[in-house]
C-alpha atoms as a PDB file:
ATOM      1  CA  MET A   1     107.524 159.354 165.178  1.00  0.00           C
ATOM      2  CA  ASP A   2     104.517 157.132 165.722  1.00  0.00           C
ATOM      3  CA  LEU A   3     103.868 153.705 164.222  1.00  0.00           C
ATOM      4  CA  PHE A   4     101.734 154.880 161.311  1.00  0.00           C
ATOM      5  CA  GLU A   5     104.328 157.439 160.186  1.00  0.00           C
ATOM      6  CA  ARG A   6     106.995 154.749 160.435  1.00  0.00           C
ATOM      7  CA  LEU A   7     104.966 152.326 158.287  1.00  0.00           C
ATOM      8  CA  LYS A   8     104.669 154.937 155.521  1.00  0.00           C
ATOM      9  CA  LEU A   9     108.455 155.484 155.200  1.00  0.00           C
ATOM     10  CA  PRO A  10     110.495 153.498 152.634  1.00  0.00           C
ATOM     11  CA  THR A  11     111.715 150.007 153.581  1.00  0.00           C
ATOM     12  CA  PRO A  12     115.206 148.747 152.615  1.00  0.00           C
ATOM     13  CA  LYS A  13     115.388 146.120 149.860  1.00  0.00           C
ATOM     14  CA  PHE A  14     116.424 143.206 152.111  1.00  0.00           C
ATOM     15  CA  PHE A  15     113.516 143.778 154.473  1.00  0.00           C
ATOM     16  CA  ARG A  16     111.063 144.066 151.573  1.00  0.00           C
ATOM     17  CA  ARG A  17     112.168 140.599 150.469  1.00  0.00           C
ATOM     18  CA  LEU A  18     111.923 139.294 154.017  1.00  0.00           C
ATOM     19  CA  ARG A  19     108.428 140.801 154.315  1.00  0.00           C
ATOM     20  CA  ASN A  20     107.323 139.084 151.114  1.00  0.00           C
ATOM     21  CA  ILE A  21     108.743 135.749 152.296  1.00  0.00           C
ATOM     22  CA  GLY A  22     106.863 136.207 155.573  1.00  0.00           C
ATOM     23  CA  ILE A  23     103.627 136.877 153.708  1.00  0.00           C
ATOM     24  CA  GLY A  24     104.210 133.719 151.679  1.00  0.00           C
ATOM     25  CA  LEU A  25     104.826 131.636 154.808  1.00  0.00           C
ATOM     26  CA  THR A  26     101.639 132.985 156.335  1.00  0.00           C
ATOM     27  CA  ALA A  27      99.666 132.128 153.202  1.00  0.00           C
ATOM     28  CA  ILE A  28     101.085 128.592 153.044  1.00  0.00           C
ATOM     29  CA  GLY A  29     100.359 127.982 156.728  1.00  0.00           C
ATOM     30  CA  GLY A  30      96.848 129.369 156.381  1.00  0.00           C
ATOM     31  CA  ALA A  31      96.144 127.191 153.352  1.00  0.00           C
ATOM     32  CA  ILE A  32      97.309 124.070 155.169  1.00  0.00           C
ATOM     33  CA  VAL A  33      95.277 124.838 158.302  1.00  0.00           C
ATOM     34  CA  THR A  34      92.089 125.469 156.341  1.00  0.00           C
ATOM     35  CA  LEU A  35      92.280 122.333 154.171  1.00  0.00           C
ATOM     36  CA  PRO A  36      88.982 120.421 154.268  1.00  0.00           C
ATOM     37  CA  VAL A  37      90.771 117.090 154.898  1.00  0.00           C
ATOM     38  CA  ILE A  38      91.975 115.626 158.153  1.00  0.00           C
ATOM     39  CA  LEU A  39      95.737 116.019 158.466  1.00  0.00           C
ATOM     40  CA  PRO A  40      98.120 114.654 161.074  1.00  0.00           C
ATOM     41  CA  VAL A  41      98.554 116.784 164.164  1.00  0.00           C
ATOM     42  CA  ALA A  42     102.227 117.433 163.343  1.00  0.00           C
ATOM     43  CA  VAL A  43     101.352 118.961 159.973  1.00  0.00           C
ATOM     44  CA  THR A  44      98.751 121.330 161.417  1.00  0.00           C
ATOM     45  CA  THR A  45     101.127 122.266 164.254  1.00  0.00           C
ATOM     46  CA  ILE A  46     103.877 123.121 161.754  1.00  0.00           C
ATOM     47  CA  ALA A  47     101.356 125.106 159.712  1.00  0.00           C
ATOM     48  CA  GLY A  48     100.449 127.080 162.828  1.00  0.00           C
ATOM     49  CA  TYR A  49     104.123 127.852 163.411  1.00  0.00           C
ATOM     50  CA  LEU A  50     104.426 128.975 159.778  1.00  0.00           C
ATOM     51  CA  ILE A  51     101.535 131.379 160.290  1.00  0.00           C
ATOM     52  CA  VAL A  52     103.081 132.868 163.428  1.00  0.00           C
ATOM     53  CA  ALA A  53     106.614 133.103 161.984  1.00  0.00           C
ATOM     54  CA  GLY A  54     105.391 134.620 158.723  1.00  0.00           C
ATOM     55  CA  THR A  55     103.237 137.185 160.487  1.00  0.00           C
ATOM     56  CA  VAL A  56     106.027 138.250 162.846  1.00  0.00           C
ATOM     57  CA  ALA A  57     108.580 138.457 160.016  1.00  0.00           C
ATOM     58  CA  SER A  58     106.212 140.552 157.903  1.00  0.00           C
ATOM     59  CA  VAL A  59     105.333 143.018 160.647  1.00  0.00           C
ATOM     60  CA  VAL A  60     108.893 143.469 161.884  1.00  0.00           C
ATOM     61  CA  SER A  61     110.231 143.849 158.341  1.00  0.00           C
ATOM     62  CA  GLN A  62     107.641 146.480 157.518  1.00  0.00           C
ATOM     63  CA  THR A  63     108.598 148.622 160.512  1.00  0.00           C
ATOM     64  CA  VAL A  64     112.309 148.771 159.558  1.00  0.00           C
ATOM     65  CA  ILE A  65     113.075 152.042 157.798  1.00  0.00           C
ATOM     66  CA  ASN A  66     116.017 153.479 155.935  1.00  0.00           C
ATOM     67  CA  ASP A  67     116.879 156.538 158.015  1.00  0.00           C
ATOM     68  CA  LYS A  68     120.230 157.654 156.567  1.00  0.00           C
ATOM     69  CA  ASN A  69     118.904 161.151 155.871  1.00  0.00           C
ATOM     70  CA  GLU A  70     117.387 161.500 159.336  1.00  0.00           C
ATOM     71  CA  ASN A  71     120.655 160.589 161.072  1.00  0.00           C
ATOM     72  CA  GLU A  72     122.572 163.176 159.041  1.00  0.00           C
ATOM     73  CA  ASP A  73     120.179 165.929 160.123  1.00  0.00           C
ATOM     74  CA  ASN A  74     120.021 164.920 163.796  1.00  0.00           C
ATOM     75  CA  ASP A  75     123.371 165.189 165.522  1.00  0.00           C
ATOM     76  CA  ASP A  76     122.582 163.567 168.877  1.00  0.00           C
ATOM     77  CA  THR A  77     125.478 163.560 171.295  1.00  0.00           C
ATOM     78  CA  ASP A  78     123.658 161.550 173.985  1.00  0.00           C
ATOM     79  CA  ASP A  79     124.678 158.217 172.482  1.00  0.00           C
ATOM     80  CA  PRO A  80     128.256 157.065 173.031  1.00  0.00           C
ATOM     81  CA  PRO A  81     130.334 156.909 169.858  1.00  0.00           C
ATOM     82  CA  ILE A  82     130.907 153.482 168.329  1.00  0.00           C
ATOM     83  CA  MET A  83     134.321 152.883 166.812  1.00  0.00           C
ATOM     84  CA  SER A  84     135.342 149.592 165.225  1.00  0.00           C
ATOM     85  CA  GLY A  85     132.619 147.629 166.987  1.00  0.00           C
ATOM     86  CA  ARG A  86     133.484 148.773 170.528  1.00  0.00           C
ATOM     87  CA  ILE A  87     131.468 151.240 172.584  1.00  0.00           C
ATOM     88  CA  ILE A  88     133.584 153.951 174.154  1.00  0.00           C
ATOM     89  CA  THR A  89     131.982 155.338 177.295  1.00  0.00           C
ATOM     90  CA  LEU A  90     132.553 159.041 177.791  1.00  0.00           C
ATOM     91  CA  ARG A  91     131.225 159.478 181.327  1.00  0.00           C
ATOM     92  CA  ARG A  92     131.067 157.274 184.377  1.00  0.00           C
ATOM     93  CA  ASN A  93     127.815 155.780 185.545  1.00  0.00           C
ATOM     94  CA  PRO A  94     127.453 156.259 189.332  1.00  0.00           C
ATOM     95  CA  LEU A  95     125.227 153.178 189.577  1.00  0.00           C
ATOM     96  CA  LEU A  96     127.963 150.946 188.139  1.00  0.00           C
ATOM     97  CA  ASP A  97     130.833 152.453 190.137  1.00  0.00           C
ATOM     98  CA  THR A  98     131.849 149.901 192.811  1.00  0.00           C
ATOM     99  CA  ASN A  99     134.310 152.218 194.574  1.00  0.00           C
ATOM    100  CA  GLN A 100     131.654 154.329 196.272  1.00  0.00           C
END
């Protein structure tokens, strides 16, 4: 799956809200930076951080997809099973074995 296919898939509700908040932060930061008055350096620095944080939050939130149906169809056995928050390793890794 490439990036453009991923962007077209549905986004979960929480990440849609986070994306919209990120867009709002970007708009607020952009409005402050482009004001035609001279502002203190701290205010313009904070506005720059708002632009960066809002842009990153929006892009990352847009790429999160709800893939419940895809996981049901694909039964990959390469990943170790996760039970109650602990990873159970099924085979030994020769690179991590200190007895050799």
